[in-house]
Amino acid sequence: MSDVTQLCYALILIAFMDHCLKPYLLRKWLGLALVTTAITLLFVPGGLYWHELNLPQGPLFVLFAGLTLVKGRRKFQPDE
């Protein structure tokens, strides 16, 4: 799979998660879990392989998805 295709899939997935996940606690904890997973995956020796697909940008996509959820966690709460 080419790098451009991976980027397009990742951006679509991040936008979908950002739009569909509305509860504050779910966005917060899923975002923190994704950030922790990304930091862990950055230090996996030998890179990340999934079903014989080389995904060198995988940890970065996971990190951006987690940061997007954590940053916009109060996006759907009513203003007080």
PDB file of N, CA and C in Angstrom:
ATOM      1  N   MET A   1       0.846  -1.162   0.000  1.00  0.00           N
ATOM      2  CA  MET A   1       0.000   0.000   0.000  1.00  0.00           C
ATOM      3  C   MET A   1       0.899   1.234   0.000  1.00  0.00           C
ATOM      4  N   SER A   2       0.588   2.172  -0.837  1.00  0.00           N
ATOM      5  CA  SER A   2       1.436   3.351  -0.943  1.00  0.00           C
ATOM      6  C   SER A   2       1.231   4.279   0.253  1.00  0.00           C
ATOM      7  N   ASP A   3       2.183   5.175   0.434  1.00  0.00           N
ATOM      8  CA  ASP A   3       2.120   6.113   1.547  1.00  0.00           C
ATOM      9  C   ASP A   3       0.934   7.065   1.421  1.00  0.00           C
ATOM     10  N   VAL A   4       0.618   7.470   0.199  1.00  0.00           N
ATOM     11  CA  VAL A   4      -0.503   8.384  -0.019  1.00  0.00           C
ATOM     12  C   VAL A   4      -1.821   7.701   0.348  1.00  0.00           C
ATOM     13  N   THR A   5      -1.959   6.438  -0.002  1.00  0.00           N
ATOM     14  CA  THR A   5      -3.164   5.692   0.332  1.00  0.00           C
ATOM     15  C   THR A   5      -3.299   5.542   1.837  1.00  0.00           C
ATOM     16  N   GLN A   6      -2.195   5.249   2.519  1.00  0.00           N
ATOM     17  CA  GLN A   6      -2.220   5.147   3.969  1.00  0.00           C
ATOM     18  C   GLN A   6      -2.631   6.470   4.602  1.00  0.00           C
ATOM     19  N   LEU A   7      -2.123   7.565   4.088  1.00  0.00           N
ATOM     20  CA  LEU A   7      -2.470   8.880   4.607  1.00  0.00           C
ATOM     21  C   LEU A   7      -3.954   9.176   4.414  1.00  0.00           C
ATOM     22  N   CYS A   8      -4.485   8.855   3.246  1.00  0.00           N
ATOM     23  CA  CYS A   8      -5.906   9.090   2.979  1.00  0.00           C
ATOM     24  C   CYS A   8      -6.788   8.261   3.908  1.00  0.00           C
ATOM     25  N   TYR A   9      -6.468   6.989   4.082  1.00  0.00           N
ATOM     26  CA  TYR A   9      -7.228   6.135   4.999  1.00  0.00           C
ATOM     27  C   TYR A   9      -7.156   6.658   6.422  1.00  0.00           C
ATOM     28  N   ALA A  10      -5.990   7.083   6.848  1.00  0.00           N
ATOM     29  CA  ALA A  10      -5.827   7.583   8.210  1.00  0.00           C
ATOM     30  C   ALA A  10      -6.624   8.860   8.423  1.00  0.00           C
ATOM     31  N   LEU A  11      -6.594   9.777   7.475  1.00  0.00           N
ATOM     32  CA  LEU A  11      -7.340  11.023   7.615  1.00  0.00           C
ATOM     33  C   LEU A  11      -8.843  10.778   7.646  1.00  0.00           C
ATOM     34  N   ILE A  12      -9.325   9.847   6.835  1.00  0.00           N
ATOM     35  CA  ILE A  12     -10.745   9.505   6.844  1.00  0.00           C
ATOM     36  C   ILE A  12     -11.131   8.899   8.188  1.00  0.00           C
ATOM     37  N   LEU A  13     -10.307   8.010   8.722  1.00  0.00           N
ATOM     38  CA  LEU A  13     -10.589   7.381  10.007  1.00  0.00           C
ATOM     39  C   LEU A  13     -10.567   8.401  11.147  1.00  0.00           C
ATOM     40  N   ILE A  14      -9.601   9.303  11.135  1.00  0.00           N
ATOM     41  CA  ILE A  14      -9.515  10.334  12.169  1.00  0.00           C
ATOM     42  C   ILE A  14     -10.732  11.254  12.111  1.00  0.00           C
ATOM     43  N   ALA A  15     -11.138  11.672  10.916  1.00  0.00           N
ATOM     44  CA  ALA A  15     -12.311  12.537  10.771  1.00  0.00           C
ATOM     45  C   ALA A  15     -13.579  11.814  11.211  1.00  0.00           C
ATOM     46  N   PHE A  16     -13.693  10.537  10.895  1.00  0.00           N
ATOM     47  CA  PHE A  16     -14.861   9.749  11.291  1.00  0.00           C
ATOM     48  C   PHE A  16     -14.939   9.636  12.813  1.00  0.00           C
ATOM     49  N   MET A  17     -13.803   9.332  13.452  1.00  0.00           N
ATOM     50  CA  MET A  17     -13.790   9.221  14.913  1.00  0.00           C
ATOM     51  C   MET A  17     -14.099  10.564  15.561  1.00  0.00           C
ATOM     52  N   ASP A  18     -13.552  11.637  15.023  1.00  0.00           N
ATOM     53  CA  ASP A  18     -13.777  12.955  15.595  1.00  0.00           C
ATOM     54  C   ASP A  18     -15.245  13.364  15.482  1.00  0.00           C
ATOM     55  N   HIS A  19     -15.894  12.952  14.418  1.00  0.00           N
ATOM     56  CA  HIS A  19     -17.284  13.336  14.203  1.00  0.00           C
ATOM     57  C   HIS A  19     -18.262  12.454  14.977  1.00  0.00           C
ATOM     58  N   CYS A  20     -17.978  11.166  15.081  1.00  0.00           N
ATOM     59  CA  CYS A  20     -18.945  10.225  15.647  1.00  0.00           C
ATOM     60  C   CYS A  20     -18.835  10.024  17.154  1.00  0.00           C
ATOM     61  N   LEU A  21     -17.665  10.199  17.731  1.00  0.00           N
ATOM     62  CA  LEU A  21     -17.515  10.008  19.166  1.00  0.00           C
ATOM     63  C   LEU A  21     -17.879  11.306  19.885  1.00  0.00           C
ATOM     64  N   LYS A  22     -19.009  11.300  20.582  1.00  0.00           N
ATOM     65  CA  LYS A  22     -19.479  12.531  21.198  1.00  0.00           C
ATOM     66  C   LYS A  22     -19.346  12.578  22.720  1.00  0.00           C
ATOM     67  N   PRO A  23     -19.476  11.472  23.452  1.00  0.00           N
ATOM     68  CA  PRO A  23     -19.381  11.569  24.917  1.00  0.00           C
ATOM     69  C   PRO A  23     -17.981  12.005  25.373  1.00  0.00           C
ATOM     70  N   TYR A  24     -17.971  12.910  26.339  1.00  0.00           N
ATOM     71  CA  TYR A  24     -16.722  13.496  26.830  1.00  0.00           C
ATOM     72  C   TYR A  24     -15.759  12.425  27.351  1.00  0.00           C
ATOM     73  N   LEU A  25     -16.249  11.545  28.217  1.00  0.00           N
ATOM     74  CA  LEU A  25     -15.364  10.542  28.824  1.00  0.00           C
ATOM     75  C   LEU A  25     -14.809   9.563  27.796  1.00  0.00           C
ATOM     76  N   LEU A  26     -15.629   9.184  26.830  1.00  0.00           N
ATOM     77  CA  LEU A  26     -15.159   8.273  25.785  1.00  0.00           C
ATOM     78  C   LEU A  26     -14.062   8.920  24.949  1.00  0.00           C
ATOM     79  N   ARG A  27     -14.257  10.189  24.579  1.00  0.00           N
ATOM     80  CA  ARG A  27     -13.234  10.899  23.801  1.00  0.00           C
ATOM     81  C   ARG A  27     -11.947  11.042  24.593  1.00  0.00           C
ATOM     82  N   LYS A  28     -12.079  11.351  25.872  1.00  0.00           N
ATOM     83  CA  LYS A  28     -10.907  11.566  26.722  1.00  0.00           C
ATOM     84  C   LYS A  28     -10.100  10.286  26.884  1.00  0.00           C
ATOM     85  N   TRP A  29     -10.745   9.197  27.298  1.00  0.00           N
ATOM     86  CA  TRP A  29     -10.011   7.966  27.586  1.00  0.00           C
ATOM     87  C   TRP A  29      -9.538   7.262  26.322  1.00  0.00           C
ATOM     88  N   LEU A  30     -10.324   7.289  25.259  1.00  0.00           N
ATOM     89  CA  LEU A  30      -9.862   6.702  24.004  1.00  0.00           C
ATOM     90  C   LEU A  30      -8.693   7.503  23.447  1.00  0.00           C
ATOM     91  N   GLY A  31      -8.756   8.821  23.558  1.00  0.00           N
ATOM     92  CA  GLY A  31      -7.643   9.663  23.111  1.00  0.00           C
ATOM     93  C   GLY A  31      -6.374   9.385  23.889  1.00  0.00           C
ATOM     94  N   LEU A  32      -6.486   9.279  25.214  1.00  0.00           N
ATOM     95  CA  LEU A  32      -5.304   8.970  26.028  1.00  0.00           C
ATOM     96  C   LEU A  32      -4.760   7.580  25.738  1.00  0.00           C
ATOM     97  N   ALA A  33      -5.651   6.621  25.490  1.00  0.00           N
ATOM     98  CA  ALA A  33      -5.200   5.276  25.144  1.00  0.00           C
ATOM     99  C   ALA A  33      -4.474   5.267  23.795  1.00  0.00           C
ATOM    100  N   LEU A  34      -4.980   6.020  22.828  1.00  0.00           N
ATOM    101  CA  LEU A  34      -4.328   6.089  21.523  1.00  0.00           C
ATOM    102  C   LEU A  34      -2.964   6.773  21.607  1.00  0.00           C
ATOM    103  N   VAL A  35      -2.863   7.829  22.410  1.00  0.00           N
ATOM    104  CA  VAL A  35      -1.573   8.511  22.572  1.00  0.00           C
ATOM    105  C   VAL A  35      -0.569   7.581  23.231  1.00  0.00           C
ATOM    106  N   THR A  36      -0.997   6.855  24.263  1.00  0.00           N
ATOM    107  CA  THR A  36      -0.106   5.902  24.937  1.00  0.00           C
ATOM    108  C   THR A  36       0.322   4.776  23.990  1.00  0.00           C
ATOM    109  N   THR A  37      -0.613   4.281  23.202  1.00  0.00           N
ATOM    110  CA  THR A  37      -0.294   3.236  22.228  1.00  0.00           C
ATOM    111  C   THR A  37       0.696   3.737  21.191  1.00  0.00           C
ATOM    112  N   ALA A  38       0.516   4.951  20.729  1.00  0.00           N
ATOM    113  CA  ALA A  38       1.414   5.517  19.714  1.00  0.00           C
ATOM    114  C   ALA A  38       2.822   5.681  20.266  1.00  0.00           C
ATOM    115  N   ILE A  39       2.933   6.159  21.485  1.00  0.00           N
ATOM    116  CA  ILE A  39       4.263   6.320  22.079  1.00  0.00           C
ATOM    117  C   ILE A  39       4.933   4.964  22.241  1.00  0.00           C
ATOM    118  N   THR A  40       4.159   3.958  22.615  1.00  0.00           N
ATOM    119  CA  THR A  40       4.712   2.603  22.733  1.00  0.00           C
ATOM    120  C   THR A  40       5.137   2.067  21.374  1.00  0.00           C
ATOM    121  N   LEU A  41       4.318   2.267  20.343  1.00  0.00           N
ATOM    122  CA  LEU A  41       4.632   1.758  19.005  1.00  0.00           C
ATOM    123  C   LEU A  41       5.838   2.448  18.371  1.00  0.00           C
ATOM    124  N   LEU A  42       6.120   3.669  18.795  1.00  0.00           N
ATOM    125  CA  LEU A  42       7.284   4.364  18.244  1.00  0.00           C
ATOM    126  C   LEU A  42       8.592   3.667  18.607  1.00  0.00           C
ATOM    127  N   PHE A  43       8.582   2.922  19.700  1.00  0.00           N
ATOM    128  CA  PHE A  43       9.803   2.274  20.162  1.00  0.00           C
ATOM    129  C   PHE A  43       9.831   0.772  19.892  1.00  0.00           C
ATOM    130  N   VAL A  44       8.927   0.272  19.039  1.00  0.00           N
ATOM    131  CA  VAL A  44       8.934  -1.146  18.657  1.00  0.00           C
ATOM    132  C   VAL A  44      10.096  -1.369  17.703  1.00  0.00           C
ATOM    133  N   PRO A  45      11.015  -2.255  18.048  1.00  0.00           N
ATOM    134  CA  PRO A  45      12.144  -2.480  17.141  1.00  0.00           C
ATOM    135  C   PRO A  45      11.695  -3.187  15.858  1.00  0.00           C
ATOM    136  N   GLY A  46      12.220  -2.744  14.753  1.00  0.00           N
ATOM    137  CA  GLY A  46      11.925  -3.395  13.477  1.00  0.00           C
ATOM    138  C   GLY A  46      10.721  -2.852  12.760  1.00  0.00           C
ATOM    139  N   GLY A  47      10.065  -1.867  13.278  1.00  0.00           N
ATOM    140  CA  GLY A  47       8.912  -1.294  12.592  1.00  0.00           C
ATOM    141  C   GLY A  47       7.629  -2.037  12.912  1.00  0.00           C
ATOM    142  N   LEU A  48       6.562  -1.628  12.278  1.00  0.00           N
ATOM    143  CA  LEU A  48       5.243  -2.194  12.520  1.00  0.00           C
ATOM    144  C   LEU A  48       4.772  -2.897  11.246  1.00  0.00           C
ATOM    145  N   TYR A  49       4.458  -4.166  11.366  1.00  0.00           N
ATOM    146  CA  TYR A  49       3.955  -4.948  10.246  1.00  0.00           C
ATOM    147  C   TYR A  49       2.612  -5.533  10.637  1.00  0.00           C
ATOM    148  N   TRP A  50       1.652  -5.447   9.736  1.00  0.00           N
ATOM    149  CA  TRP A  50       0.330  -5.984   9.999  1.00  0.00           C
ATOM    150  C   TRP A  50      -0.138  -6.678   8.733  1.00  0.00           C
ATOM    151  N   HIS A  51      -0.270  -7.968   8.790  1.00  0.00           N
ATOM    152  CA  HIS A  51      -0.657  -8.764   7.625  1.00  0.00           C
ATOM    153  C   HIS A  51       0.225  -8.465   6.408  1.00  0.00           C
ATOM    154  N   GLU A  52       1.513  -8.457   6.637  1.00  0.00           N
ATOM    155  CA  GLU A  52       2.530  -8.247   5.609  1.00  0.00           C
ATOM    156  C   GLU A  52       2.474  -6.861   4.958  1.00  0.00           C
ATOM    157  N   LEU A  53       1.850  -5.913   5.601  1.00  0.00           N
ATOM    158  CA  LEU A  53       1.852  -4.532   5.117  1.00  0.00           C
ATOM    159  C   LEU A  53       2.807  -3.729   5.987  1.00  0.00           C
ATOM    160  N   ASN A  54       3.725  -3.057   5.376  1.00  0.00           N
ATOM    161  CA  ASN A  54       4.650  -2.226   6.116  1.00  0.00           C
ATOM    162  C   ASN A  54       3.972  -0.888   6.417  1.00  0.00           C
ATOM    163  N   LEU A  55       3.838  -0.569   7.693  1.00  0.00           N
ATOM    164  CA  LEU A  55       3.155   0.660   8.092  1.00  0.00           C
ATOM    165  C   LEU A  55       4.099   1.548   8.895  1.00  0.00           C
ATOM    166  N   PRO A  56       5.040   2.209   8.227  1.00  0.00           N
ATOM    167  CA  PRO A  56       5.992   3.027   8.980  1.00  0.00           C
ATOM    168  C   PRO A  56       5.355   4.264   9.606  1.00  0.00           C
ATOM    169  N   GLN A  57       4.262   4.758   9.044  1.00  0.00           N
ATOM    170  CA  GLN A  57       3.615   5.946   9.587  1.00  0.00           C
ATOM    171  C   GLN A  57       2.515   5.601  10.582  1.00  0.00           C
ATOM    172  N   GLY A  58       2.287   4.339  10.840  1.00  0.00           N
ATOM    173  CA  GLY A  58       1.209   3.906  11.734  1.00  0.00           C
ATOM    174  C   GLY A  58       1.203   4.582  13.085  1.00  0.00           C
ATOM    175  N   PRO A  59       2.326   4.565  13.806  1.00  0.00           N
ATOM    176  CA  PRO A  59       2.326   5.231  15.119  1.00  0.00           C
ATOM    177  C   PRO A  59       2.020   6.726  15.052  1.00  0.00           C
ATOM    178  N   LEU A  60       2.445   7.385  14.002  1.00  0.00           N
ATOM    179  CA  LEU A  60       2.145   8.816  13.886  1.00  0.00           C
ATOM    180  C   LEU A  60       0.661   9.062  13.644  1.00  0.00           C
ATOM    181  N   PHE A  61       0.022   8.211  12.839  1.00  0.00           N
ATOM    182  CA  PHE A  61      -1.405   8.348  12.609  1.00  0.00           C
ATOM    183  C   PHE A  61      -2.184   8.103  13.897  1.00  0.00           C
ATOM    184  N   VAL A  62      -1.770   7.108  14.667  1.00  0.00           N
ATOM    185  CA  VAL A  62      -2.429   6.814  15.937  1.00  0.00           C
ATOM    186  C   VAL A  62      -2.246   7.980  16.910  1.00  0.00           C
ATOM    187  N   LEU A  63      -1.061   8.559  16.924  1.00  0.00           N
ATOM    188  CA  LEU A  63      -0.790   9.705  17.791  1.00  0.00           C
ATOM    189  C   LEU A  63      -1.664  10.895  17.413  1.00  0.00           C
ATOM    190  N   PHE A  64      -1.774  11.206  16.131  1.00  0.00           N
ATOM    191  CA  PHE A  64      -2.604  12.327  15.695  1.00  0.00           C
ATOM    192  C   PHE A  64      -4.083  12.081  15.994  1.00  0.00           C
ATOM    193  N   ALA A  65      -4.536  10.838  15.842  1.00  0.00           N
ATOM    194  CA  ALA A  65      -5.928  10.523  16.169  1.00  0.00           C
ATOM    195  C   ALA A  65      -6.187  10.735  17.660  1.00  0.00           C
ATOM    196  N   GLY A  66      -5.268  10.282  18.496  1.00  0.00           N
ATOM    197  CA  GLY A  66      -5.428  10.465  19.937  1.00  0.00           C
ATOM    198  C   GLY A  66      -5.388  11.922  20.341  1.00  0.00           C
ATOM    199  N   LEU A  67      -4.472  12.676  19.771  1.00  0.00           N
ATOM    200  CA  LEU A  67      -4.380  14.098  20.105  1.00  0.00           C
ATOM    201  C   LEU A  67      -5.611  14.864  19.639  1.00  0.00           C
ATOM    202  N   THR A  68      -6.172  14.472  18.505  1.00  0.00           N
ATOM    203  CA  THR A  68      -7.392  15.112  18.009  1.00  0.00           C
ATOM    204  C   THR A  68      -8.551  14.884  18.969  1.00  0.00           C
ATOM    205  N   LEU A  69      -8.664  13.653  19.489  1.00  0.00           N
ATOM    206  CA  LEU A  69      -9.746  13.367  20.423  1.00  0.00           C
ATOM    207  C   LEU A  69      -9.548  14.087  21.752  1.00  0.00           C
ATOM    208  N   VAL A  70      -8.319  14.113  22.252  1.00  0.00           N
ATOM    209  CA  VAL A  70      -8.062  14.767  23.537  1.00  0.00           C
ATOM    210  C   VAL A  70      -8.243  16.276  23.423  1.00  0.00           C
ATOM    211  N   LYS A  71      -7.775  16.845  22.345  1.00  0.00           N
ATOM    212  CA  LYS A  71      -7.864  18.303  22.173  1.00  0.00           C
ATOM    213  C   LYS A  71      -9.316  18.769  22.052  1.00  0.00           C
ATOM    214  N   GLY A  72     -10.141  18.024  21.360  1.00  0.00           N
ATOM    215  CA  GLY A  72     -11.532  18.431  21.157  1.00  0.00           C
ATOM    216  C   GLY A  72     -12.512  17.670  22.013  1.00  0.00           C
ATOM    217  N   ARG A  73     -12.115  17.288  23.224  1.00  0.00           N
ATOM    218  CA  ARG A  73     -12.973  16.447  24.047  1.00  0.00           C
ATOM    219  C   ARG A  73     -14.228  17.163  24.530  1.00  0.00           C
ATOM    220  N   ARG A  74     -14.220  18.470  24.610  1.00  0.00           N
ATOM    221  CA  ARG A  74     -15.403  19.221  25.046  1.00  0.00           C
ATOM    222  C   ARG A  74     -16.164  19.805  23.855  1.00  0.00           C
ATOM    223  N   LYS A  75     -15.930  19.262  22.695  1.00  0.00           N
ATOM    224  CA  LYS A  75     -16.502  19.794  21.463  1.00  0.00           C
ATOM    225  C   LYS A  75     -18.042  19.727  21.457  1.00  0.00           C
ATOM    226  N   PHE A  76     -18.609  18.667  22.011  1.00  0.00           N
ATOM    227  CA  PHE A  76     -20.053  18.465  21.927  1.00  0.00           C
ATOM    228  C   PHE A  76     -20.771  18.772  23.231  1.00  0.00           C
ATOM    229  N   GLN A  77     -20.077  19.315  24.216  1.00  0.00           N
ATOM    230  CA  GLN A  77     -20.740  19.698  25.458  1.00  0.00           C
ATOM    231  C   GLN A  77     -21.374  21.067  25.296  1.00  0.00           C
ATOM    232  N   PRO A  78     -22.551  21.264  25.876  1.00  0.00           N
ATOM    233  CA  PRO A  78     -23.184  22.595  25.752  1.00  0.00           C
ATOM    234  C   PRO A  78     -22.390  23.642  26.532  1.00  0.00           C
ATOM    235  N   ASP A  79     -22.415  24.849  26.020  1.00  0.00           N
ATOM    236  CA  ASP A  79     -21.716  25.944  26.691  1.00  0.00           C
ATOM    237  C   ASP A  79     -22.444  26.291  27.992  1.00  0.00           C
ATOM    238  N   GLU A  80     -21.660  26.594  28.992  1.00  0.00           N
ATOM    239  CA  GLU A  80     -22.264  26.929  30.293  1.00  0.00           C
ATOM    240  C   GLU A  80     -22.199  28.402  30.535  1.00  0.00           C
TER     241      GLU A  80
END
